[in-house]
Amino acid sequence: MPEAPPYVDPGFTEAGAYRLYYALTLARDLPSVIAGSYGIEPRRNLAVLALTLAPSDEREPAPVEAAEIEAVAVALTGERVALALTRHDESGRPTWLATVQVAHRVPLTIEIRARATPAGPEMRARLTREFRLD
């Protein structure tokens, strides 16, 4: 029997005229000039969560106004910790960054909730990653 293909997270979710991009990357994998520009000191057990709200259709951009966004780290024990997101406006799109501690080969789940506008549809994403810190 052939092996099942691995699940590949698309890295985004969308609702209405908006798309929420998300990524969780080890801080040590970021180029030092990029990490430094955001005040992130690369460490072995530190990951960076990046969230970006953008219009789904680049030809007809919908404005991202008064956006609401939150992210929560969920440990294997069920403990939930709200992540401190910092907003950066670049290229006309708001991006939020947060750092989170990770452990070697211990899965970490991030739950994300966002709205691009106060009356806009809610977008939700759930991302689970496991890092090898060797």
Protein backbone atom coordinates (compact mmCIF):
# COMPACT_ATOMS: atom_id res chain seq x y z
CA MET A 1 0.00 0.00 0.00
CA PRO A 2 1.46 3.44 -0.88
CA GLU A 3 2.39 5.76 1.94
CA ALA A 4 -0.05 8.60 2.56
CA PRO A 5 1.21 12.01 1.48
CA PRO A 6 2.12 14.28 4.39
CA TYR A 7 -0.33 16.99 5.39
CA VAL A 8 0.80 20.36 4.13
CA ASP A 9 -0.62 23.41 5.87
CA PRO A 10 -1.48 26.06 3.26
CA GLY A 11 -0.22 28.89 5.52
CA PHE A 12 -3.36 30.97 5.06
CA THR A 13 -7.10 31.10 5.55
CA GLU A 14 -9.62 33.42 3.96
CA ALA A 15 -13.08 34.81 4.54
CA GLY A 16 -14.93 37.36 2.46
CA ALA A 17 -12.50 39.69 0.67
CA TYR A 18 -9.59 38.98 3.04
CA ARG A 19 -6.83 36.47 3.56
CA LEU A 20 -4.87 35.80 6.76
CA TYR A 21 -1.34 34.49 6.20
CA TYR A 22 0.45 32.80 9.12
CA ALA A 23 3.85 31.22 9.72
CA LEU A 24 5.80 29.93 12.73
CA THR A 25 9.57 29.86 12.22
CA LEU A 26 12.53 29.27 14.49
CA ALA A 27 14.19 32.60 15.27
CA ARG A 28 17.61 31.11 14.51
CA ASP A 29 16.43 30.39 10.93
CA LEU A 30 15.75 34.07 10.24
CA PRO A 31 18.55 36.09 8.64
CA SER A 32 20.16 38.13 11.43
CA VAL A 33 19.51 41.43 9.64
CA ILE A 34 15.76 40.67 9.50
CA ALA A 35 15.55 39.43 13.09
CA GLY A 36 17.54 42.44 14.27
CA SER A 37 15.29 44.90 12.44
CA TYR A 38 12.38 43.65 14.58
CA GLY A 39 14.38 43.48 17.81
CA ILE A 40 14.36 39.67 17.86
CA GLU A 41 17.43 38.00 19.29
CA PRO A 42 17.79 34.55 17.68
CA ARG A 43 17.89 31.80 20.31
CA ARG A 44 17.82 28.04 20.01
CA ASN A 45 14.38 27.62 21.63
CA LEU A 46 12.59 30.72 20.31
CA ALA A 47 10.08 30.75 17.43
CA VAL A 48 8.56 33.74 15.67
CA LEU A 49 4.89 33.85 14.71
CA ALA A 50 4.12 36.13 11.75
CA LEU A 51 0.53 37.05 10.84
CA THR A 52 -0.44 39.20 7.85
CA LEU A 53 -3.87 40.42 6.79
CA ALA A 54 -4.29 41.17 3.08
CA PRO A 55 -7.03 41.43 0.47
CA SER A 56 -7.81 38.11 -1.27
CA ASP A 57 -7.81 39.80 -4.67
CA GLU A 58 -4.76 42.01 -5.23
CA ARG A 59 -6.42 43.64 -8.29
CA GLU A 60 -9.29 44.96 -6.18
CA PRO A 61 -7.73 45.57 -2.77
CA ALA A 62 -10.14 45.82 0.11
CA PRO A 63 -8.99 48.12 2.91
CA VAL A 64 -7.74 46.60 6.16
CA GLU A 65 -9.13 49.01 8.75
CA ALA A 66 -9.27 48.68 12.53
CA ALA A 67 -8.18 45.07 12.32
CA GLU A 68 -8.61 42.75 15.29
CA ILE A 69 -6.22 39.87 15.76
CA GLU A 70 -5.22 37.52 18.57
CA ALA A 71 -3.08 34.41 18.92
CA VAL A 72 -2.93 31.86 21.73
CA ALA A 73 -0.26 29.21 22.29
CA VAL A 74 -1.71 25.90 23.51
CA ALA A 75 0.63 23.44 25.26
CA LEU A 76 0.17 19.65 25.30
CA THR A 77 -1.16 19.99 28.84
CA GLY A 78 -3.92 22.29 27.58
CA GLU A 79 -2.38 25.40 29.13
CA ARG A 80 -3.30 28.46 27.05
CA VAL A 81 -1.09 31.55 26.84
CA ALA A 82 -2.08 34.67 24.90
CA LEU A 83 0.79 35.84 22.70
CA ALA A 84 1.88 39.48 22.76
CA LEU A 85 1.49 40.57 19.14
CA THR A 86 3.32 43.64 17.84
CA ARG A 87 1.90 45.37 14.75
CA HIS A 88 4.15 46.46 11.86
CA ASP A 89 2.74 48.23 8.80
CA GLU A 90 4.78 47.36 5.74
CA SER A 91 3.95 47.36 2.04
CA GLY A 92 0.47 48.64 2.85
CA ARG A 93 -0.36 45.49 4.81
CA PRO A 94 -0.47 45.09 8.56
CA THR A 95 1.76 42.33 9.92
CA TRP A 96 1.87 41.17 13.52
CA LEU A 97 4.82 39.39 15.13
CA ALA A 98 5.10 37.47 18.40
CA THR A 99 7.75 35.24 19.90
CA VAL A 100 7.06 31.97 21.68
CA GLN A 101 9.29 29.50 23.54
CA VAL A 102 9.52 26.03 21.98
CA ALA A 103 10.97 22.75 23.22
CA HIS A 104 12.78 19.99 21.31
CA ARG A 105 10.25 17.70 19.57
CA VAL A 106 7.32 18.94 21.68
CA PRO A 107 4.32 19.92 19.52
CA LEU A 108 3.05 23.47 19.97
CA THR A 109 -0.35 24.60 18.74
CA ILE A 110 -1.17 28.21 17.91
CA GLU A 111 -4.82 29.27 17.60
CA ILE A 112 -5.42 32.48 15.64
CA ARG A 113 -8.53 34.63 15.36
CA ALA A 114 -8.72 37.75 13.16
CA ARG A 115 -11.02 40.29 11.50
CA ALA A 116 -9.76 42.70 8.84
CA THR A 117 -12.54 45.19 9.62
CA PRO A 118 -14.88 45.46 12.63
CA ALA A 119 -17.89 44.28 10.58
CA GLY A 120 -15.89 41.79 8.49
CA PRO A 121 -16.08 38.01 8.76
CA GLU A 122 -13.98 36.26 11.38
CA MET A 123 -11.03 34.18 10.21
CA ARG A 124 -9.69 31.33 12.34
CA ALA A 125 -6.61 29.20 11.95
CA ARG A 126 -5.02 26.47 14.03
CA LEU A 127 -1.40 25.62 13.41
CA THR A 128 0.63 22.86 15.08
CA ARG A 129 4.39 22.63 14.69
CA GLU A 130 7.15 20.53 16.23
CA PHE A 131 10.76 21.68 16.07
CA ARG A 132 14.02 19.75 16.23
CA LEU A 133 16.44 21.90 18.16
CA ASP A 134 19.55 19.72 17.66
